[in-house]
Amino acid sequence: MASFRFWLCLILILLSCLRSESRPLEPSSQRRREAMMETAREILKERLIHSVKYDVNRYSPGGPDPKHH
């Protein structure tokens, strides 16, 4: 009896998989996705152009600041 239930469940699962199918993306969502990617590229370009470069040649104070406290 358990074997019959197993095979029945397996056949039902396989049949349900066979009946389902994928569908292509809608053209409007594809265009929207491309527009979002283009906007992201522009933002990254602007960030790279306007990125702040820190001066790495500065000296450390070398000890505690006596005037701090």
C-alpha atoms as a PDB file:
ATOM      1  CA  MET A   1       0.000   0.000   0.000  1.00  0.00           C
ATOM      2  CA  ALA A   2       2.836   2.398   0.839  1.00  0.00           C
ATOM      3  CA  SER A   3       4.509   1.610  -2.480  1.00  0.00           C
ATOM      4  CA  PHE A   4       1.290   2.444  -4.348  1.00  0.00           C
ATOM      5  CA  ARG A   5       1.026   5.829  -2.574  1.00  0.00           C
ATOM      6  CA  PHE A   6       4.668   6.581  -3.322  1.00  0.00           C
ATOM      7  CA  TRP A   7       4.263   5.908  -7.050  1.00  0.00           C
ATOM      8  CA  LEU A   8       0.992   7.824  -7.177  1.00  0.00           C
ATOM      9  CA  CYS A   9       2.603  10.871  -5.529  1.00  0.00           C
ATOM     10  CA  LEU A  10       5.609  10.637  -7.821  1.00  0.00           C
ATOM     11  CA  ILE A  11       3.417  10.462 -10.933  1.00  0.00           C
ATOM     12  CA  LEU A  12       1.313  13.417  -9.769  1.00  0.00           C
ATOM     13  CA  ILE A  13       4.417  15.504  -9.108  1.00  0.00           C
ATOM     14  CA  LEU A  14       5.867  14.681 -12.519  1.00  0.00           C
ATOM     15  CA  LEU A  15       2.580  15.476 -14.258  1.00  0.00           C
ATOM     16  CA  SER A  16       2.312  18.810 -12.490  1.00  0.00           C
ATOM     17  CA  CYS A  17       5.881  19.660 -13.551  1.00  0.00           C
ATOM     18  CA  LEU A  18       5.143  18.757 -17.147  1.00  0.00           C
ATOM     19  CA  ARG A  19       2.077  20.998 -17.276  1.00  0.00           C
ATOM     20  CA  SER A  20       3.888  24.060 -15.962  1.00  0.00           C
ATOM     21  CA  GLU A  21       5.901  26.163 -18.353  1.00  0.00           C
ATOM     22  CA  SER A  22       7.935  29.321 -18.162  1.00  0.00           C
ATOM     23  CA  ARG A  23       6.969  32.469 -19.958  1.00  0.00           C
ATOM     24  CA  PRO A  24       9.257  35.164 -21.331  1.00  0.00           C
ATOM     25  CA  LEU A  25       9.588  38.495 -19.637  1.00  0.00           C
ATOM     26  CA  GLU A  26       7.181  41.138 -20.759  1.00  0.00           C
ATOM     27  CA  PRO A  27       8.792  43.697 -23.064  1.00  0.00           C
ATOM     28  CA  SER A  28       7.888  46.538 -20.718  1.00  0.00           C
ATOM     29  CA  SER A  29       9.644  44.906 -17.767  1.00  0.00           C
ATOM     30  CA  GLN A  30      12.684  44.216 -19.938  1.00  0.00           C
ATOM     31  CA  ARG A  31      12.866  47.889 -20.951  1.00  0.00           C
ATOM     32  CA  ARG A  32      12.422  48.956 -17.356  1.00  0.00           C
ATOM     33  CA  ARG A  33      15.268  46.682 -16.306  1.00  0.00           C
ATOM     34  CA  GLU A  34      17.559  48.088 -19.008  1.00  0.00           C
ATOM     35  CA  ALA A  35      16.689  51.639 -17.935  1.00  0.00           C
ATOM     36  CA  MET A  36      17.513  50.828 -14.318  1.00  0.00           C
ATOM     37  CA  MET A  37      20.862  49.344 -15.359  1.00  0.00           C
ATOM     38  CA  GLU A  38      21.695  52.459 -17.389  1.00  0.00           C
ATOM     39  CA  THR A  39      20.808  54.691 -14.444  1.00  0.00           C
ATOM     40  CA  ALA A  40      23.019  52.611 -12.162  1.00  0.00           C
ATOM     41  CA  ARG A  41      25.927  52.931 -14.612  1.00  0.00           C
ATOM     42  CA  GLU A  42      25.522  56.714 -14.722  1.00  0.00           C
ATOM     43  CA  ILE A  43      25.461  56.942 -10.922  1.00  0.00           C
ATOM     44  CA  LEU A  44      28.622  54.856 -10.644  1.00  0.00           C
ATOM     45  CA  LYS A  45      30.379  57.025 -13.247  1.00  0.00           C
ATOM     46  CA  GLU A  46      29.471  60.184 -11.335  1.00  0.00           C
ATOM     47  CA  ARG A  47      30.679  58.700  -8.061  1.00  0.00           C
ATOM     48  CA  LEU A  48      33.994  57.736  -9.620  1.00  0.00           C
ATOM     49  CA  ILE A  49      34.456  61.194 -11.099  1.00  0.00           C
ATOM     50  CA  HIS A  50      33.592  63.037  -7.884  1.00  0.00           C
ATOM     51  CA  SER A  51      35.200  60.661  -5.421  1.00  0.00           C
ATOM     52  CA  VAL A  52      37.216  62.341  -2.701  1.00  0.00           C
ATOM     53  CA  LYS A  53      40.847  61.372  -2.613  1.00  0.00           C
ATOM     54  CA  TYR A  54      42.309  61.468   0.841  1.00  0.00           C
ATOM     55  CA  ASP A  55      45.834  62.662   1.442  1.00  0.00           C
ATOM     56  CA  VAL A  56      47.809  59.608   2.512  1.00  0.00           C
ATOM     57  CA  ASN A  57      51.008  61.577   3.138  1.00  0.00           C
ATOM     58  CA  ARG A  58      49.862  63.140   6.396  1.00  0.00           C
ATOM     59  CA  TYR A  59      51.865  62.566   9.562  1.00  0.00           C
ATOM     60  CA  SER A  60      50.530  61.008  12.724  1.00  0.00           C
ATOM     61  CA  PRO A  61      50.781  63.240  15.811  1.00  0.00           C
ATOM     62  CA  GLY A  62      53.251  60.883  17.457  1.00  0.00           C
ATOM     63  CA  GLY A  63      51.689  60.975  20.905  1.00  0.00           C
ATOM     64  CA  PRO A  64      48.914  62.386  23.038  1.00  0.00           C
ATOM     65  CA  ASP A  65      48.042  66.017  22.508  1.00  0.00           C
ATOM     66  CA  PRO A  66      48.845  67.975  25.708  1.00  0.00           C
ATOM     67  CA  LYS A  67      46.417  70.762  24.743  1.00  0.00           C
ATOM     68  CA  HIS A  68      43.544  68.333  24.216  1.00  0.00           C
ATOM     69  CA  HIS A  69      42.437  68.191  27.864  1.00  0.00           C
END
